[in-house]
C-alpha atoms as a PDB file:
ATOM      1  CA  MET A   1     -25.383  46.905 -55.815  1.00  0.00           C
ATOM      2  CA  ILE A   2     -21.954  48.929 -55.653  1.00  0.00           C
ATOM      3  CA  HIS A   3     -18.853  46.308 -56.224  1.00  0.00           C
ATOM      4  CA  ARG A   4     -16.011  47.788 -53.994  1.00  0.00           C
ATOM      5  CA  LYS A   5     -12.209  47.186 -55.567  1.00  0.00           C
ATOM      6  CA  HIS A   6     -10.449  45.096 -53.185  1.00  0.00           C
ATOM      7  CA  PRO A   7      -6.777  46.383 -53.340  1.00  0.00           C
ATOM      8  CA  LYS A   8      -3.549  44.402 -52.776  1.00  0.00           C
ATOM      9  CA  GLY A   9      -2.212  44.463 -49.610  1.00  0.00           C
ATOM     10  CA  ALA A  10      -5.439  44.156 -47.676  1.00  0.00           C
ATOM     11  CA  PRO A  11      -5.489  41.610 -45.227  1.00  0.00           C
ATOM     12  CA  ARG A  12      -7.416  38.386 -46.335  1.00  0.00           C
ATOM     13  CA  GLY A  13      -7.118  35.629 -43.796  1.00  0.00           C
ATOM     14  CA  ILE A  14      -4.065  36.747 -41.617  1.00  0.00           C
ATOM     15  CA  GLY A  15      -3.649  35.338 -38.341  1.00  0.00           C
ATOM     16  CA  MET A  16      -6.862  33.401 -38.409  1.00  0.00           C
ATOM     17  CA  THR A  17      -6.077  32.282 -35.247  1.00  0.00           C
ATOM     18  CA  SER A  18      -9.814  33.071 -33.593  1.00  0.00           C
ATOM     19  CA  GLN A  19     -11.939  32.734 -36.438  1.00  0.00           C
ATOM     20  CA  GLY A  20     -14.870  31.112 -34.243  1.00  0.00           C
ATOM     21  CA  THR A  21     -14.497  34.619 -32.054  1.00  0.00           C
ATOM     22  CA  ARG A  22     -14.317  36.773 -34.903  1.00  0.00           C
ATOM     23  CA  ASP A  23     -17.267  35.235 -36.717  1.00  0.00           C
ATOM     24  CA  ARG A  24     -18.997  35.737 -33.152  1.00  0.00           C
ATOM     25  CA  LEU A  25     -18.062  39.508 -33.146  1.00  0.00           C
ATOM     26  CA  VAL A  26     -19.343  39.948 -36.529  1.00  0.00           C
ATOM     27  CA  ARG A  27     -22.906  38.534 -35.885  1.00  0.00           C
ATOM     28  CA  ARG A  28     -23.091  40.867 -32.563  1.00  0.00           C
ATOM     29  CA  LEU A  29     -22.412  43.526 -34.917  1.00  0.00           C
ATOM     30  CA  ARG A  30     -24.599  42.803 -37.827  1.00  0.00           C
ATOM     31  CA  GLU A  31     -27.397  42.423 -35.078  1.00  0.00           C
ATOM     32  CA  HIS A  32     -26.561  46.052 -33.545  1.00  0.00           C
ATOM     33  CA  GLY A  33     -27.617  47.053 -37.104  1.00  0.00           C
ATOM     34  CA  ILE A  34     -24.097  47.146 -38.853  1.00  0.00           C
ATOM     35  CA  ARG A  35     -25.401  46.259 -42.757  1.00  0.00           C
ATOM     36  CA  ASP A  36     -22.465  46.110 -45.386  1.00  0.00           C
ATOM     37  CA  GLU A  37     -21.695  42.796 -45.965  1.00  0.00           C
ATOM     38  CA  ASP A  38     -17.987  44.233 -46.907  1.00  0.00           C
ATOM     39  CA  VAL A  39     -17.818  45.489 -43.775  1.00  0.00           C
ATOM     40  CA  LEU A  40     -18.386  42.878 -41.848  1.00  0.00           C
ATOM     41  CA  ARG A  41     -15.769  40.896 -43.626  1.00  0.00           C
ATOM     42  CA  ALA A  42     -13.489  43.440 -43.571  1.00  0.00           C
ATOM     43  CA  ILE A  43     -13.841  42.922 -39.877  1.00  0.00           C
ATOM     44  CA  ALA A  44     -14.197  39.381 -39.580  1.00  0.00           C
ATOM     45  CA  SER A  45     -10.455  39.138 -42.026  1.00  0.00           C
ATOM     46  CA  THR A  46      -8.756  41.741 -39.714  1.00  0.00           C
ATOM     47  CA  PRO A  47      -6.429  40.220 -36.585  1.00  0.00           C
ATOM     48  CA  ARG A  48      -7.548  43.052 -34.370  1.00  0.00           C
ATOM     49  CA  HIS A  49      -5.585  41.216 -31.145  1.00  0.00           C
ATOM     50  CA  GLU A  50      -2.667  42.501 -33.620  1.00  0.00           C
ATOM     51  CA  PHE A  51      -3.602  45.882 -32.435  1.00  0.00           C
ATOM     52  CA  VAL A  52      -3.166  45.855 -29.010  1.00  0.00           C
ATOM     53  CA  ASP A  53      -1.502  45.302 -25.963  1.00  0.00           C
ATOM     54  CA  GLU A  54      -0.133  41.097 -25.749  1.00  0.00           C
ATOM     55  CA  ALA A  55      -1.951  41.341 -22.143  1.00  0.00           C
ATOM     56  CA  LEU A  56      -5.103  43.002 -23.673  1.00  0.00           C
ATOM     57  CA  SER A  57      -5.380  40.020 -26.946  1.00  0.00           C
ATOM     58  CA  SER A  58      -7.881  37.818 -24.991  1.00  0.00           C
ATOM     59  CA  ARG A  59     -10.110  40.777 -25.064  1.00  0.00           C
ATOM     60  CA  ALA A  60      -9.526  41.895 -28.770  1.00  0.00           C
ATOM     61  CA  TYR A  61     -12.817  40.603 -30.447  1.00  0.00           C
ATOM     62  CA  GLU A  62     -15.180  42.210 -27.480  1.00  0.00           C
ATOM     63  CA  ASP A  63     -16.742  44.853 -29.026  1.00  0.00           C
ATOM     64  CA  THR A  64     -15.245  47.894 -26.763  1.00  0.00           C
ATOM     65  CA  ALA A  65     -12.372  50.424 -26.816  1.00  0.00           C
ATOM     66  CA  LEU A  66      -9.581  49.058 -25.259  1.00  0.00           C
ATOM     67  CA  PRO A  67      -6.356  51.373 -23.732  1.00  0.00           C
ATOM     68  CA  ILE A  68      -3.709  51.685 -26.080  1.00  0.00           C
ATOM     69  CA  GLY A  69      -1.244  53.782 -23.972  1.00  0.00           C
ATOM     70  CA  LEU A  70      -0.387  57.671 -23.909  1.00  0.00           C
ATOM     71  CA  GLY A  71      -4.102  58.390 -23.170  1.00  0.00           C
ATOM     72  CA  GLN A  72      -5.288  56.942 -26.094  1.00  0.00           C
ATOM     73  CA  THR A  73      -7.548  53.917 -26.972  1.00  0.00           C
ATOM     74  CA  ILE A  74      -8.435  51.649 -29.926  1.00  0.00           C
ATOM     75  CA  SER A  75     -12.151  52.135 -30.689  1.00  0.00           C
ATOM     76  CA  GLN A  76     -14.857  49.469 -30.037  1.00  0.00           C
ATOM     77  CA  PRO A  77     -15.500  47.845 -33.052  1.00  0.00           C
ATOM     78  CA  TRP A  78     -19.052  48.767 -33.837  1.00  0.00           C
ATOM     79  CA  VAL A  79     -18.138  52.505 -34.227  1.00  0.00           C
ATOM     80  CA  VAL A  80     -15.052  51.313 -36.412  1.00  0.00           C
ATOM     81  CA  ALA A  81     -17.880  49.315 -38.382  1.00  0.00           C
ATOM     82  CA  ARG A  82     -20.710  52.252 -38.211  1.00  0.00           C
ATOM     83  CA  MET A  83     -17.430  54.863 -39.219  1.00  0.00           C
ATOM     84  CA  THR A  84     -16.540  53.050 -42.181  1.00  0.00           C
ATOM     85  CA  GLU A  85     -19.889  52.405 -43.328  1.00  0.00           C
ATOM     86  CA  ALA A  86     -20.757  55.795 -43.091  1.00  0.00           C
ATOM     87  CA  VAL A  87     -17.609  57.237 -45.045  1.00  0.00           C
ATOM     88  CA  LEU A  88     -18.775  54.534 -47.984  1.00  0.00           C
ATOM     89  CA  ASP A  89     -21.870  55.665 -48.006  1.00  0.00           C
ATOM     90  CA  GLY A  90     -23.244  56.247 -51.747  1.00  0.00           C
ATOM     91  CA  GLY A  91     -20.198  54.977 -53.161  1.00  0.00           C
ATOM     92  CA  SER A  92     -16.531  53.377 -53.432  1.00  0.00           C
ATOM     93  CA  PRO A  93     -14.133  55.339 -52.702  1.00  0.00           C
ATOM     94  CA  ASP A  94     -10.708  55.066 -54.032  1.00  0.00           C
ATOM     95  CA  LYS A  95      -8.931  57.550 -51.860  1.00  0.00           C
ATOM     96  CA  VAL A  96      -9.773  58.329 -47.643  1.00  0.00           C
ATOM     97  CA  LEU A  97      -7.972  60.093 -44.697  1.00  0.00           C
ATOM     98  CA  GLU A  98      -8.197  59.220 -41.437  1.00  0.00           C
ATOM     99  CA  VAL A  99      -7.190  61.718 -39.034  1.00  0.00           C
ATOM    100  CA  GLY A 100      -6.065  59.828 -35.767  1.00  0.00           C
ATOM    101  CA  THR A 101      -3.686  56.936 -36.056  1.00  0.00           C
ATOM    102  CA  GLY A 102      -3.999  55.481 -32.646  1.00  0.00           C
ATOM    103  CA  SER A 103      -3.367  51.908 -32.712  1.00  0.00           C
ATOM    104  CA  GLY A 104      -3.966  51.457 -36.834  1.00  0.00           C
ATOM    105  CA  TYR A 105      -6.389  49.479 -36.481  1.00  0.00           C
ATOM    106  CA  GLN A 106      -9.096  51.847 -38.269  1.00  0.00           C
ATOM    107  CA  ALA A 107      -6.729  52.324 -41.078  1.00  0.00           C
ATOM    108  CA  ALA A 108      -6.014  48.423 -41.573  1.00  0.00           C
ATOM    109  CA  ILE A 109      -9.946  47.931 -42.041  1.00  0.00           C
ATOM    110  CA  LEU A 110     -10.324  50.854 -44.538  1.00  0.00           C
ATOM    111  CA  ALA A 111      -7.423  49.129 -46.410  1.00  0.00           C
ATOM    112  CA  SER A 112      -9.302  46.414 -46.662  1.00  0.00           C
ATOM    113  CA  LEU A 113     -11.798  48.420 -48.427  1.00  0.00           C
ATOM    114  CA  ILE A 114      -9.851  51.229 -50.215  1.00  0.00           C
ATOM    115  CA  PRO A 115      -7.412  51.179 -52.694  1.00  0.00           C
ATOM    116  CA  GLN A 116      -5.600  54.527 -51.352  1.00  0.00           C
ATOM    117  CA  VAL A 117      -5.463  55.038 -47.107  1.00  0.00           C
ATOM    118  CA  PHE A 118      -3.634  58.037 -45.837  1.00  0.00           C
ATOM    119  CA  THR A 119      -3.191  58.482 -41.999  1.00  0.00           C
ATOM    120  CA  VAL A 120      -2.060  61.022 -39.574  1.00  0.00           C
ATOM    121  CA  GLU A 121      -0.901  60.671 -36.018  1.00  0.00           C
ATOM    122  CA  ARG A 122       0.599  63.720 -33.880  1.00  0.00           C
ATOM    123  CA  ILE A 123       1.615  61.301 -31.119  1.00  0.00           C
ATOM    124  CA  GLU A 124       4.980  60.038 -33.049  1.00  0.00           C
ATOM    125  CA  GLU A 125       5.099  56.983 -30.362  1.00  0.00           C
ATOM    126  CA  LEU A 126       1.594  55.598 -31.719  1.00  0.00           C
ATOM    127  CA  LEU A 127       2.503  56.119 -34.972  1.00  0.00           C
ATOM    128  CA  LYS A 128       5.515  54.065 -35.221  1.00  0.00           C
ATOM    129  CA  LEU A 129       4.079  51.216 -33.358  1.00  0.00           C
ATOM    130  CA  ALA A 130       1.118  51.096 -36.215  1.00  0.00           C
ATOM    131  CA  ARG A 131       3.909  51.476 -39.103  1.00  0.00           C
ATOM    132  CA  ARG A 132       4.844  48.408 -37.874  1.00  0.00           C
ATOM    133  CA  ARG A 133       1.832  46.631 -37.556  1.00  0.00           C
ATOM    134  CA  PHE A 134       1.169  48.139 -41.057  1.00  0.00           C
ATOM    135  CA  HIS A 135       4.652  46.493 -42.627  1.00  0.00           C
ATOM    136  CA  LYS A 136       3.724  43.330 -40.300  1.00  0.00           C
ATOM    137  CA  LEU A 137       0.601  42.393 -42.223  1.00  0.00           C
ATOM    138  CA  GLY A 138       1.789  43.645 -45.770  1.00  0.00           C
ATOM    139  CA  LEU A 139      -0.502  46.252 -45.732  1.00  0.00           C
ATOM    140  CA  LYS A 140       0.816  48.677 -48.916  1.00  0.00           C
ATOM    141  CA  ASN A 141      -1.723  50.814 -49.562  1.00  0.00           C
ATOM    142  CA  ILE A 142      -1.713  53.136 -46.077  1.00  0.00           C
ATOM    143  CA  TYR A 143       0.356  56.289 -46.227  1.00  0.00           C
ATOM    144  CA  THR A 144       1.513  57.716 -42.800  1.00  0.00           C
ATOM    145  CA  ARG A 145       2.606  61.321 -41.889  1.00  0.00           C
ATOM    146  CA  HIS A 146       3.433  62.396 -38.477  1.00  0.00           C
ATOM    147  CA  ALA A 147       0.772  65.993 -38.068  1.00  0.00           C
ATOM    148  CA  ASP A 148      -1.652  67.678 -36.364  1.00  0.00           C
ATOM    149  CA  GLY A 149      -4.913  65.958 -37.421  1.00  0.00           C
ATOM    150  CA  HIS A 150      -6.191  69.446 -37.223  1.00  0.00           C
ATOM    151  CA  LEU A 151      -4.484  70.228 -40.856  1.00  0.00           C
ATOM    152  CA  GLY A 152      -5.142  66.803 -42.500  1.00  0.00           C
ATOM    153  CA  TRP A 153      -2.977  66.188 -45.161  1.00  0.00           C
ATOM    154  CA  PRO A 154      -3.597  69.468 -47.699  1.00  0.00           C
ATOM    155  CA  SER A 155      -1.327  67.936 -50.256  1.00  0.00           C
ATOM    156  CA  GLN A 156      -3.156  65.123 -50.666  1.00  0.00           C
ATOM    157  CA  ALA A 157      -6.477  66.189 -51.139  1.00  0.00           C
ATOM    158  CA  PRO A 158      -8.988  66.366 -51.922  1.00  0.00           C
ATOM    159  CA  PHE A 159     -10.389  62.895 -50.533  1.00  0.00           C
ATOM    160  CA  ASP A 160     -12.883  60.994 -51.298  1.00  0.00           C
ATOM    161  CA  GLY A 161     -14.264  60.663 -47.396  1.00  0.00           C
ATOM    162  CA  ILE A 162     -12.242  61.421 -44.049  1.00  0.00           C
ATOM    163  CA  ILE A 163     -12.714  60.000 -41.111  1.00  0.00           C
ATOM    164  CA  VAL A 164     -11.709  61.389 -37.579  1.00  0.00           C
ATOM    165  CA  THR A 165     -10.642  59.394 -34.747  1.00  0.00           C
ATOM    166  CA  ALA A 166     -10.872  61.911 -31.690  1.00  0.00           C
ATOM    167  CA  ALA A 167     -13.685  64.236 -30.680  1.00  0.00           C
ATOM    168  CA  ALA A 168     -13.643  67.619 -32.120  1.00  0.00           C
ATOM    169  CA  ILE A 169     -15.495  70.244 -30.141  1.00  0.00           C
ATOM    170  CA  GLN A 170     -16.568  72.559 -33.391  1.00  0.00           C
ATOM    171  CA  VAL A 171     -17.179  70.935 -37.494  1.00  0.00           C
ATOM    172  CA  PRO A 172     -13.197  70.795 -38.651  1.00  0.00           C
ATOM    173  CA  ILE A 173     -13.999  73.332 -41.547  1.00  0.00           C
ATOM    174  CA  GLU A 174     -10.589  72.977 -42.793  1.00  0.00           C
ATOM    175  CA  LEU A 175     -10.936  68.975 -43.298  1.00  0.00           C
ATOM    176  CA  ILE A 176     -14.433  69.783 -45.072  1.00  0.00           C
ATOM    177  CA  ARG A 177     -12.206  71.527 -47.507  1.00  0.00           C
ATOM    178  CA  GLN A 178     -10.473  68.841 -48.301  1.00  0.00           C
ATOM    179  CA  LEU A 179     -13.434  66.672 -49.380  1.00  0.00           C
ATOM    180  CA  ARG A 180     -14.666  65.799 -53.068  1.00  0.00           C
ATOM    181  CA  VAL A 181     -18.063  67.642 -53.188  1.00  0.00           C
ATOM    182  CA  GLY A 182     -20.661  65.128 -52.430  1.00  0.00           C
ATOM    183  CA  ALA A 183     -18.134  63.137 -50.264  1.00  0.00           C
ATOM    184  CA  VAL A 184     -18.659  62.280 -46.764  1.00  0.00           C
ATOM    185  CA  LEU A 185     -16.496  63.031 -43.176  1.00  0.00           C
ATOM    186  CA  VAL A 186     -17.431  61.148 -40.583  1.00  0.00           C
ATOM    187  CA  ALA A 187     -16.711  62.806 -36.906  1.00  0.00           C
ATOM    188  CA  PRO A 188     -17.432  62.896 -33.460  1.00  0.00           C
ATOM    189  CA  ILE A 189     -18.361  65.934 -32.231  1.00  0.00           C
ATOM    190  CA  GLU A 190     -19.232  67.832 -29.209  1.00  0.00           C
ATOM    191  CA  ARG A 191     -22.639  69.101 -28.757  1.00  0.00           C
ATOM    192  CA  ARG A 192     -24.649  70.249 -25.574  1.00  0.00           C
ATOM    193  CA  GLY A 193     -22.266  68.633 -23.575  1.00  0.00           C
ATOM    194  CA  MET A 194     -22.391  65.492 -24.904  1.00  0.00           C
ATOM    195  CA  GLN A 195     -20.265  63.469 -28.387  1.00  0.00           C
ATOM    196  CA  ARG A 196     -22.744  62.919 -31.605  1.00  0.00           C
ATOM    197  CA  LEU A 197     -21.155  60.975 -34.151  1.00  0.00           C
ATOM    198  CA  LEU A 198     -21.926  62.730 -37.201  1.00  0.00           C
ATOM    199  CA  ALA A 199     -21.716  61.300 -40.905  1.00  0.00           C
ATOM    200  CA  ILE A 200     -20.816  65.376 -42.798  1.00  0.00           C
ATOM    201  CA  ARG A 201     -21.731  65.713 -46.616  1.00  0.00           C
ATOM    202  CA  ARG A 202     -19.906  68.337 -48.244  1.00  0.00           C
ATOM    203  CA  THR A 203     -22.340  69.836 -51.108  1.00  0.00           C
ATOM    204  CA  GLU A 204     -21.801  72.422 -53.460  1.00  0.00           C
ATOM    205  CA  GLU A 205     -23.268  75.138 -50.801  1.00  0.00           C
ATOM    206  CA  GLY A 206     -21.670  73.970 -47.660  1.00  0.00           C
ATOM    207  CA  TYR A 207     -22.024  70.958 -46.177  1.00  0.00           C
ATOM    208  CA  ASP A 208     -25.361  68.555 -44.527  1.00  0.00           C
ATOM    209  CA  GLU A 209     -25.039  66.521 -41.675  1.00  0.00           C
ATOM    210  CA  GLU A 210     -26.554  63.274 -40.487  1.00  0.00           C
ATOM    211  CA  ASP A 211     -26.643  61.981 -36.527  1.00  0.00           C
ATOM    212  CA  LEU A 212     -25.388  58.585 -36.110  1.00  0.00           C
ATOM    213  CA  GLY A 213     -25.854  58.469 -32.238  1.00  0.00           C
ATOM    214  CA  GLY A 214     -24.016  59.179 -29.347  1.00  0.00           C
ATOM    215  CA  VAL A 215     -20.378  58.068 -28.567  1.00  0.00           C
ATOM    216  CA  ILE A 216     -17.248  58.683 -26.476  1.00  0.00           C
ATOM    217  CA  PHE A 217     -13.973  59.541 -27.863  1.00  0.00           C
ATOM    218  CA  VAL A 218     -11.209  60.908 -26.379  1.00  0.00           C
ATOM    219  CA  PRO A 219     -10.584  64.516 -27.459  1.00  0.00           C
ATOM    220  CA  MET A 220      -8.579  65.807 -30.928  1.00  0.00           C
ATOM    221  CA  LEU A 221      -5.816  67.857 -29.184  1.00  0.00           C
ATOM    222  CA  SER A 222      -3.615  70.502 -31.421  1.00  0.00           C
ATOM    223  CA  GLY A 223       0.158  69.989 -32.092  1.00  0.00           C
ATOM    224  CA  LEU A 224       2.621  66.865 -31.767  1.00  0.00           C
ATOM    225  CA  SER A 225       4.261  64.788 -29.552  1.00  0.00           C
END
């Protein structure tokens, strides 16, 4: 059994005002195939209501995506859990990149499991909100950057895993180059008019793909705003 390091600053029981609701969400995720107990504990201990507008806080622990403004969404908890499981598959990464900070929820989940989380966001207003949430929750192992996600974070590469939270029209080769050999990039990729969640493992010769199923994400855009 792999024993993962739990970094300082990870959310342990922060804002546990809806623990029963969170536990029901965890049971639902387990019933729908999430098996990694560390990931389930991270979901249970991370206050998702802190990452949505107050008007939507009563829906924070539903297993559904929710709007966060500016045409973006906070991902469905099952998708967050599945992507996290996939990037952790086969090891205990020290350093992971997230492309598309959004609300900050996925980064917060990763931060409770991985010593260093690097996250880039092209929409500055969203990034400022996410930074405030990280500060409020004491998440000191998340490093943020206002940047075009297609470019990743080359100066911090190589990474032990990469999660992309927007749908690309093709496998992002520039991001794969920023992976260690053997590490996994998890991303929604357009295939024949549909989005498929792929786990893409870098190899010495190139990369291998595993299809994790159909998903719906906002498109991955270039440039800054």
